[in-house]
N, C-alpha and C. Protein backbone atom coordinates (compact mmCIF):
# COMPACT_ATOMS: atom_id res chain seq x y z
N MET A 1 -116.55 72.19 -58.84
CA MET A 1 -115.92 71.06 -59.20
C MET A 1 -116.79 69.87 -59.73
N ARG A 2 -118.02 69.83 -59.19
CA ARG A 2 -119.12 68.87 -59.65
C ARG A 2 -119.52 69.23 -61.09
N THR A 3 -119.53 70.42 -61.41
CA THR A 3 -119.92 70.87 -62.79
C THR A 3 -118.75 70.40 -63.80
N HIS A 4 -117.59 70.66 -63.38
CA HIS A 4 -116.39 70.21 -64.19
C HIS A 4 -116.47 68.60 -64.34
N ARG A 5 -116.71 67.87 -63.28
CA ARG A 5 -116.82 66.38 -63.58
C ARG A 5 -118.05 66.04 -64.47
N ALA A 6 -119.17 66.62 -64.21
CA ALA A 6 -120.30 66.41 -65.00
C ALA A 6 -120.03 66.78 -66.58
N LEU A 7 -119.45 67.92 -66.79
CA LEU A 7 -119.07 68.22 -68.12
C LEU A 7 -118.01 67.15 -68.78
N LEU A 8 -117.14 66.72 -67.98
CA LEU A 8 -116.20 65.73 -68.51
C LEU A 8 -116.96 64.42 -68.76
N ALA A 9 -117.86 64.02 -67.96
CA ALA A 9 -118.64 62.81 -68.13
C ALA A 9 -119.46 62.88 -69.45
N LEU A 10 -119.90 64.10 -69.86
CA LEU A 10 -120.57 64.29 -71.08
C LEU A 10 -119.65 64.32 -72.36
N VAL A 11 -118.57 64.89 -72.13
CA VAL A 11 -117.63 65.33 -73.27
C VAL A 11 -116.87 64.03 -73.77
N PHE A 12 -116.46 63.26 -72.88
CA PHE A 12 -115.46 62.12 -73.22
C PHE A 12 -116.23 61.10 -74.01
N PRO A 13 -117.45 60.63 -73.62
CA PRO A 13 -118.24 59.81 -74.45
C PRO A 13 -118.56 60.28 -75.81
N ALA A 14 -118.93 61.56 -75.86
CA ALA A 14 -119.25 62.15 -77.18
C ALA A 14 -117.98 62.17 -78.03
N LEU A 15 -116.84 62.57 -77.42
CA LEU A 15 -115.52 62.53 -78.21
C LEU A 15 -115.19 61.18 -78.63
N PHE A 16 -115.35 60.19 -77.75
CA PHE A 16 -114.99 58.80 -78.16
C PHE A 16 -115.94 58.32 -79.26
N ALA A 17 -117.22 58.73 -79.22
CA ALA A 17 -118.10 58.37 -80.34
C ALA A 17 -117.72 58.99 -81.61
N ALA A 18 -117.27 60.24 -81.66
CA ALA A 18 -116.96 60.95 -82.80
C ALA A 18 -115.66 60.28 -83.38
N VAL A 19 -114.73 59.94 -82.60
CA VAL A 19 -113.51 59.26 -83.13
C VAL A 19 -113.90 57.93 -83.72
N ALA A 20 -114.74 57.13 -83.05
CA ALA A 20 -115.09 55.78 -83.49
C ALA A 20 -115.88 55.98 -84.81
N ALA A 21 -116.69 56.94 -84.99
CA ALA A 21 -117.60 57.21 -86.10
C ALA A 21 -116.59 57.53 -87.21
N GLY A 22 -115.54 58.19 -86.99
CA GLY A 22 -114.62 58.52 -88.00
C GLY A 22 -113.91 57.51 -88.55
N ALA A 23 -113.78 56.43 -87.93
CA ALA A 23 -113.04 55.27 -88.37
C ALA A 23 -113.75 54.36 -89.35
N ASP A 24 -115.08 54.56 -89.51
CA ASP A 24 -116.07 53.80 -90.25
C ASP A 24 -115.77 54.11 -91.64
N ILE A 25 -115.58 53.01 -92.61
CA ILE A 25 -115.14 53.24 -93.93
C ILE A 25 -116.29 53.17 -94.84
N THR A 26 -117.55 53.05 -94.32
CA THR A 26 -118.73 52.88 -95.03
C THR A 26 -118.70 54.00 -96.15
N GLY A 27 -119.09 53.64 -97.33
CA GLY A 27 -119.13 54.66 -98.50
C GLY A 27 -118.47 54.17 -99.78
N GLU A 28 -118.29 55.04 -100.67
CA GLU A 28 -117.70 54.59 -101.92
C GLU A 28 -116.06 55.23 -102.01
N TRP A 29 -115.34 54.38 -102.37
CA TRP A 29 -113.92 54.65 -102.43
C TRP A 29 -113.49 54.31 -103.92
N LYS A 30 -112.54 55.04 -104.50
CA LYS A 30 -112.04 54.80 -105.90
C LYS A 30 -110.56 54.66 -105.85
N ALA A 31 -109.99 53.86 -106.71
CA ALA A 31 -108.53 53.71 -106.77
C ALA A 31 -108.13 53.48 -108.23
N GLN A 32 -106.98 54.11 -108.58
CA GLN A 32 -106.38 53.80 -109.88
C GLN A 32 -105.45 52.73 -109.77
N PHE A 33 -105.19 51.91 -110.77
CA PHE A 33 -104.15 50.79 -110.57
C PHE A 33 -103.61 50.49 -111.96
N LYS A 34 -102.39 49.90 -111.87
CA LYS A 34 -101.64 49.42 -113.08
C LYS A 34 -101.47 48.00 -112.64
N THR A 35 -101.87 47.09 -113.51
CA THR A 35 -101.63 45.63 -113.27
C THR A 35 -100.10 45.25 -113.43
N ASN A 36 -99.67 44.35 -112.78
CA ASN A 36 -98.50 43.84 -112.75
C ASN A 36 -98.33 42.38 -112.54
N TYR A 37 -99.11 41.63 -113.15
CA TYR A 37 -99.36 40.14 -112.80
C TYR A 37 -98.15 39.28 -113.23
N GLY A 38 -97.41 39.66 -114.12
CA GLY A 38 -96.28 38.82 -114.62
C GLY A 38 -96.75 37.71 -115.67
N THR A 39 -96.78 36.50 -115.30
CA THR A 39 -97.26 35.56 -116.33
C THR A 39 -98.33 34.63 -115.77
N ASP A 40 -99.13 33.98 -116.70
CA ASP A 40 -100.11 33.14 -116.20
C ASP A 40 -99.51 31.73 -115.89
N LEU A 41 -100.37 30.81 -115.56
CA LEU A 41 -99.89 29.48 -115.11
C LEU A 41 -99.06 28.66 -116.08
N GLN A 42 -99.27 29.04 -117.39
CA GLN A 42 -98.49 28.33 -118.56
C GLN A 42 -97.22 29.24 -118.85
N GLY A 43 -96.95 30.21 -118.15
CA GLY A 43 -95.74 31.03 -118.35
C GLY A 43 -95.89 32.23 -119.42
N ASN A 44 -97.18 32.29 -119.98
CA ASN A 44 -97.30 33.44 -120.91
C ASN A 44 -97.47 34.72 -120.22
N PRO A 45 -96.79 35.76 -120.74
CA PRO A 45 -97.00 37.19 -120.13
C PRO A 45 -98.34 37.62 -120.20
N LEU A 46 -98.67 38.23 -119.09
CA LEU A 46 -99.91 38.93 -118.98
C LEU A 46 -99.83 40.36 -119.28
N PRO A 47 -100.84 40.97 -120.03
CA PRO A 47 -100.67 42.40 -120.34
C PRO A 47 -100.71 43.35 -119.23
N ARG A 48 -99.99 44.41 -119.25
CA ARG A 48 -100.09 45.41 -118.17
C ARG A 48 -101.34 46.34 -118.52
N GLU A 49 -102.14 46.73 -117.60
CA GLU A 49 -103.37 47.52 -117.89
C GLU A 49 -103.41 48.59 -116.82
N ASN A 50 -103.91 49.78 -117.22
CA ASN A 50 -104.36 50.76 -116.26
C ASN A 50 -105.86 50.73 -116.14
N GLY A 51 -106.33 50.92 -114.80
CA GLY A 51 -107.68 50.77 -114.68
C GLY A 51 -108.14 51.46 -113.45
N GLU A 52 -109.37 51.52 -113.17
CA GLU A 52 -109.93 52.00 -111.87
C GLU A 52 -110.79 51.08 -111.20
N THR A 53 -110.67 50.95 -109.95
CA THR A 53 -111.69 50.03 -109.18
C THR A 53 -112.37 50.93 -108.16
N THR A 54 -113.67 50.57 -108.03
CA THR A 54 -114.61 51.14 -107.28
C THR A 54 -115.08 50.19 -106.08
N PHE A 55 -114.81 50.62 -104.82
CA PHE A 55 -115.24 49.90 -103.67
C PHE A 55 -116.43 50.62 -103.07
N THR A 56 -117.37 49.86 -102.76
CA THR A 56 -118.55 50.29 -102.04
C THR A 56 -118.69 49.49 -100.71
N PHE A 57 -118.26 50.10 -99.60
CA PHE A 57 -118.26 49.39 -98.31
C PHE A 57 -119.36 49.68 -97.44
N LYS A 58 -119.74 48.75 -96.68
CA LYS A 58 -120.69 49.00 -95.64
C LYS A 58 -120.08 48.23 -94.40
N GLN A 59 -119.63 49.11 -93.37
CA GLN A 59 -119.02 48.55 -92.11
C GLN A 59 -120.07 48.50 -91.10
N ASN A 60 -120.01 47.43 -90.27
CA ASN A 60 -120.79 47.29 -89.06
C ASN A 60 -119.91 46.69 -87.93
N GLY A 61 -119.44 47.52 -87.25
CA GLY A 61 -118.41 47.12 -86.32
C GLY A 61 -117.17 46.75 -87.07
N GLU A 62 -116.75 45.42 -86.78
CA GLU A 62 -115.54 44.91 -87.52
C GLU A 62 -115.86 44.16 -88.70
N GLU A 63 -117.26 44.01 -88.95
CA GLU A 63 -117.73 43.32 -90.21
C GLU A 63 -117.71 44.23 -91.36
N LEU A 64 -117.22 43.85 -92.51
CA LEU A 64 -117.22 44.60 -93.72
C LEU A 64 -117.83 43.88 -94.88
N THR A 65 -119.00 44.54 -95.52
CA THR A 65 -119.59 43.94 -96.57
C THR A 65 -119.52 44.90 -97.67
N GLY A 66 -120.09 44.58 -98.85
CA GLY A 66 -120.12 45.62 -99.98
C GLY A 66 -119.77 44.93 -101.18
N THR A 67 -119.34 45.73 -102.25
CA THR A 67 -118.91 45.23 -103.54
C THR A 67 -117.65 45.90 -104.11
N VAL A 68 -117.06 45.28 -104.99
CA VAL A 68 -115.99 45.70 -105.74
C VAL A 68 -116.25 45.61 -107.16
N SER A 69 -115.89 46.71 -108.01
CA SER A 69 -116.00 46.62 -109.43
C SER A 69 -114.78 47.34 -109.99
N SER A 70 -114.51 47.04 -111.24
CA SER A 70 -113.39 47.75 -111.86
C SER A 70 -113.57 47.82 -113.41
N THR A 71 -112.71 48.51 -114.02
CA THR A 71 -112.72 48.48 -115.57
C THR A 71 -112.34 47.12 -116.12
N ALA A 72 -111.72 46.25 -115.25
CA ALA A 72 -111.37 44.86 -115.82
C ALA A 72 -112.47 43.91 -115.41
N PHE A 73 -113.17 44.10 -114.32
CA PHE A 73 -114.16 43.03 -113.80
C PHE A 73 -115.49 43.70 -113.42
N SER A 74 -116.48 42.88 -113.44
CA SER A 74 -117.82 43.39 -113.10
C SER A 74 -117.89 43.43 -111.60
N GLU A 75 -119.10 43.90 -111.16
CA GLU A 75 -119.27 44.00 -109.72
C GLU A 75 -119.28 42.67 -108.94
N THR A 76 -118.50 42.51 -107.91
CA THR A 76 -118.47 41.37 -107.23
C THR A 76 -118.69 41.53 -105.68
N GLN A 77 -119.31 40.71 -105.01
CA GLN A 77 -119.50 40.77 -103.59
C GLN A 77 -118.25 40.63 -102.75
N ILE A 78 -118.09 41.31 -101.71
CA ILE A 78 -117.08 41.15 -100.86
C ILE A 78 -117.44 40.00 -99.87
N ARG A 79 -116.36 39.19 -99.58
CA ARG A 79 -116.53 37.96 -98.65
C ARG A 79 -115.53 38.12 -97.64
N GLU A 80 -115.76 37.62 -96.48
CA GLU A 80 -114.69 37.52 -95.35
C GLU A 80 -114.19 38.83 -95.00
N GLY A 81 -115.06 39.95 -95.18
CA GLY A 81 -114.68 41.21 -94.91
C GLY A 81 -114.49 41.53 -93.35
N LYS A 82 -113.34 42.25 -93.05
CA LYS A 82 -112.94 42.51 -91.65
C LYS A 82 -112.32 43.91 -91.64
N VAL A 83 -112.71 44.65 -90.57
CA VAL A 83 -111.99 45.99 -90.25
C VAL A 83 -111.41 45.76 -88.85
N SER A 84 -110.25 46.05 -88.58
CA SER A 84 -109.61 45.94 -87.22
C SER A 84 -108.76 47.14 -87.02
N GLY A 85 -109.31 48.15 -86.44
CA GLY A 85 -108.54 49.52 -86.29
C GLY A 85 -108.39 50.10 -87.68
N ASP A 86 -107.22 50.35 -88.11
CA ASP A 86 -106.91 50.86 -89.39
C ASP A 86 -106.70 49.83 -90.61
N ASN A 87 -106.83 48.55 -90.05
CA ASN A 87 -106.51 47.43 -91.04
C ASN A 87 -107.79 46.91 -91.69
N ILE A 88 -107.78 46.67 -92.92
CA ILE A 88 -108.91 46.08 -93.66
C ILE A 88 -108.58 44.94 -94.44
N SER A 89 -109.31 43.94 -94.54
CA SER A 89 -109.20 42.75 -95.40
C SER A 89 -110.41 42.25 -95.85
N PHE A 90 -110.37 41.58 -97.10
CA PHE A 90 -111.49 40.93 -97.68
C PHE A 90 -111.05 40.15 -98.81
N VAL A 91 -112.06 39.30 -99.21
CA VAL A 91 -111.83 38.39 -100.40
C VAL A 91 -112.92 38.68 -101.48
N VAL A 92 -112.58 38.63 -102.69
CA VAL A 92 -113.62 38.47 -103.79
C VAL A 92 -113.10 37.30 -104.72
N ILE A 93 -114.16 36.76 -105.26
CA ILE A 93 -113.94 35.70 -106.29
C ILE A 93 -114.00 36.15 -107.64
N ARG A 94 -112.93 36.07 -108.38
CA ARG A 94 -112.90 36.55 -109.79
C ARG A 94 -112.65 35.32 -110.73
N THR A 95 -113.18 35.60 -111.96
CA THR A 95 -112.97 34.59 -113.01
C THR A 95 -111.80 34.97 -113.89
N PHE A 96 -110.70 34.33 -114.00
CA PHE A 96 -109.60 34.51 -114.94
C PHE A 96 -109.66 33.41 -116.04
N GLY A 97 -110.01 33.75 -117.15
CA GLY A 97 -110.16 32.73 -118.23
C GLY A 97 -111.34 32.00 -117.81
N ARG A 98 -111.27 30.77 -117.66
CA ARG A 98 -112.45 29.90 -117.13
C ARG A 98 -112.39 29.41 -115.81
N ARG A 99 -111.36 29.93 -115.18
CA ARG A 99 -111.17 29.42 -113.64
C ARG A 99 -111.33 30.58 -112.65
N GLU A 100 -112.10 30.17 -111.60
CA GLU A 100 -112.29 31.08 -110.47
C GLU A 100 -111.11 31.12 -109.53
N ARG A 101 -110.72 32.35 -109.17
CA ARG A 101 -109.60 32.62 -108.23
C ARG A 101 -110.04 33.46 -107.20
N ARG A 102 -109.43 33.19 -106.06
CA ARG A 102 -109.57 34.09 -104.74
C ARG A 102 -108.80 35.37 -105.01
N MET A 103 -109.27 36.46 -104.82
CA MET A 103 -108.47 37.62 -104.80
C MET A 103 -108.50 38.36 -103.42
N THR A 104 -107.41 38.30 -102.69
CA THR A 104 -107.45 38.83 -101.41
C THR A 104 -106.86 40.28 -101.35
N TYR A 105 -107.67 41.10 -100.73
CA TYR A 105 -107.22 42.55 -100.46
C TYR A 105 -107.03 42.84 -99.14
N THR A 106 -105.73 43.37 -98.79
CA THR A 106 -105.40 43.80 -97.51
C THR A 106 -105.06 45.29 -97.52
N GLY A 107 -105.47 46.05 -96.60
CA GLY A 107 -105.17 47.54 -96.58
C GLY A 107 -104.93 48.14 -95.28
N THR A 108 -104.46 49.28 -95.30
CA THR A 108 -104.33 50.07 -94.18
C THR A 108 -104.94 51.42 -94.47
N ARG A 109 -105.81 51.94 -93.58
CA ARG A 109 -106.46 53.17 -93.66
C ARG A 109 -105.60 54.27 -93.12
N ALA A 110 -105.50 55.41 -93.80
CA ALA A 110 -104.84 56.58 -93.25
C ALA A 110 -105.75 57.85 -93.62
N GLY A 111 -106.63 58.21 -92.83
CA GLY A 111 -107.42 59.38 -93.17
C GLY A 111 -108.42 59.03 -94.21
N SER A 112 -108.36 59.73 -95.27
CA SER A 112 -109.23 59.46 -96.34
C SER A 112 -108.67 58.57 -97.52
N GLU A 113 -107.63 57.96 -97.10
CA GLU A 113 -106.98 57.03 -98.17
C GLU A 113 -106.86 55.59 -97.51
N ILE A 114 -106.95 54.54 -98.36
CA ILE A 114 -106.64 53.21 -98.17
C ILE A 114 -105.63 52.76 -98.90
N LYS A 115 -104.52 52.20 -98.42
CA LYS A 115 -103.44 51.52 -99.28
C LYS A 115 -103.71 50.14 -99.38
N PHE A 116 -104.06 49.56 -100.52
CA PHE A 116 -104.31 48.23 -100.74
C PHE A 116 -103.20 47.48 -101.36
N GLN A 117 -103.13 46.22 -100.93
CA GLN A 117 -102.26 45.25 -101.71
C GLN A 117 -103.23 44.05 -102.07
N THR A 118 -103.20 43.61 -103.24
CA THR A 118 -103.92 42.46 -103.72
C THR A 118 -103.13 41.21 -103.87
N LEU A 119 -103.71 40.05 -103.82
CA LEU A 119 -102.93 38.80 -104.12
C LEU A 119 -104.03 37.90 -104.78
N ILE A 120 -103.67 37.41 -105.92
CA ILE A 120 -104.47 36.49 -106.68
C ILE A 120 -103.95 35.06 -106.49
N ASP A 121 -104.83 34.28 -105.93
CA ASP A 121 -104.32 32.81 -105.80
C ASP A 121 -103.95 32.42 -107.28
N GLY A 122 -102.80 31.59 -107.25
CA GLY A 122 -102.30 31.08 -108.57
C GLY A 122 -101.37 31.94 -109.37
N PHE A 123 -101.42 33.17 -109.05
CA PHE A 123 -100.64 34.09 -109.81
C PHE A 123 -99.38 34.56 -109.01
N GLY A 124 -99.42 34.52 -107.73
CA GLY A 124 -98.21 34.93 -107.04
C GLY A 124 -97.99 36.42 -106.81
N ARG A 125 -98.67 37.16 -107.68
CA ARG A 125 -98.54 38.64 -107.66
C ARG A 125 -99.86 39.26 -107.79
N GLY A 126 -99.85 40.57 -107.24
CA GLY A 126 -101.14 41.26 -107.25
C GLY A 126 -100.78 42.70 -107.65
N VAL A 127 -101.73 43.56 -107.23
CA VAL A 127 -101.68 44.97 -107.60
C VAL A 127 -101.72 45.78 -106.26
N GLN A 128 -100.91 46.84 -106.30
CA GLN A 128 -101.03 47.88 -105.25
C GLN A 128 -101.69 49.08 -105.71
N MET A 129 -102.54 49.56 -104.79
CA MET A 129 -103.39 50.78 -105.12
C MET A 129 -103.63 51.51 -103.94
N ILE A 130 -103.98 52.77 -104.19
CA ILE A 130 -104.45 53.65 -103.18
C ILE A 130 -105.90 54.08 -103.31
N ALA A 131 -106.91 53.75 -102.58
CA ALA A 131 -108.22 54.12 -102.73
C ALA A 131 -108.49 55.43 -101.94
N LYS A 132 -109.24 56.26 -102.66
CA LYS A 132 -109.61 57.57 -102.01
C LYS A 132 -111.10 57.65 -101.81
N LYS A 133 -111.58 58.09 -100.61
CA LYS A 133 -113.03 58.28 -100.36
C LYS A 133 -113.62 59.33 -101.24
N VAL A 134 -114.69 58.85 -101.89
CA VAL A 134 -115.58 59.77 -102.63
C VAL A 134 -116.32 60.58 -101.74
N PRO A 135 -116.15 61.99 -101.96
CA PRO A 135 -117.03 62.82 -101.07
C PRO A 135 -118.47 62.68 -101.37
């Protein structure tokens, strides 16, 4: 019986560590997207575009840092990054025309995919995309 307890005392922490390590999103993720921004602040229609976004994440506990780059925008640092369980959120600052806007990303991780929704301040709409972990 003592051997059984000792074995459990070793196995459970190792199993917990493996599960916790599996939740880490550190690494490169890629997503395809199609813009659907609607109109700009003056009511002019914005073009629909297909593109790809690359996320390079570094997770340290609940803190998330890294960069976001896409076919539409250059590499931008992640701000206010947070991971809580399977929920992910962060902000990047993008330039639209001559104005800077906050672009908020919120997502939910399911295995090797993260479903993201973006919201761009001043536009009222964003983009939905599914990022996949790059092996």
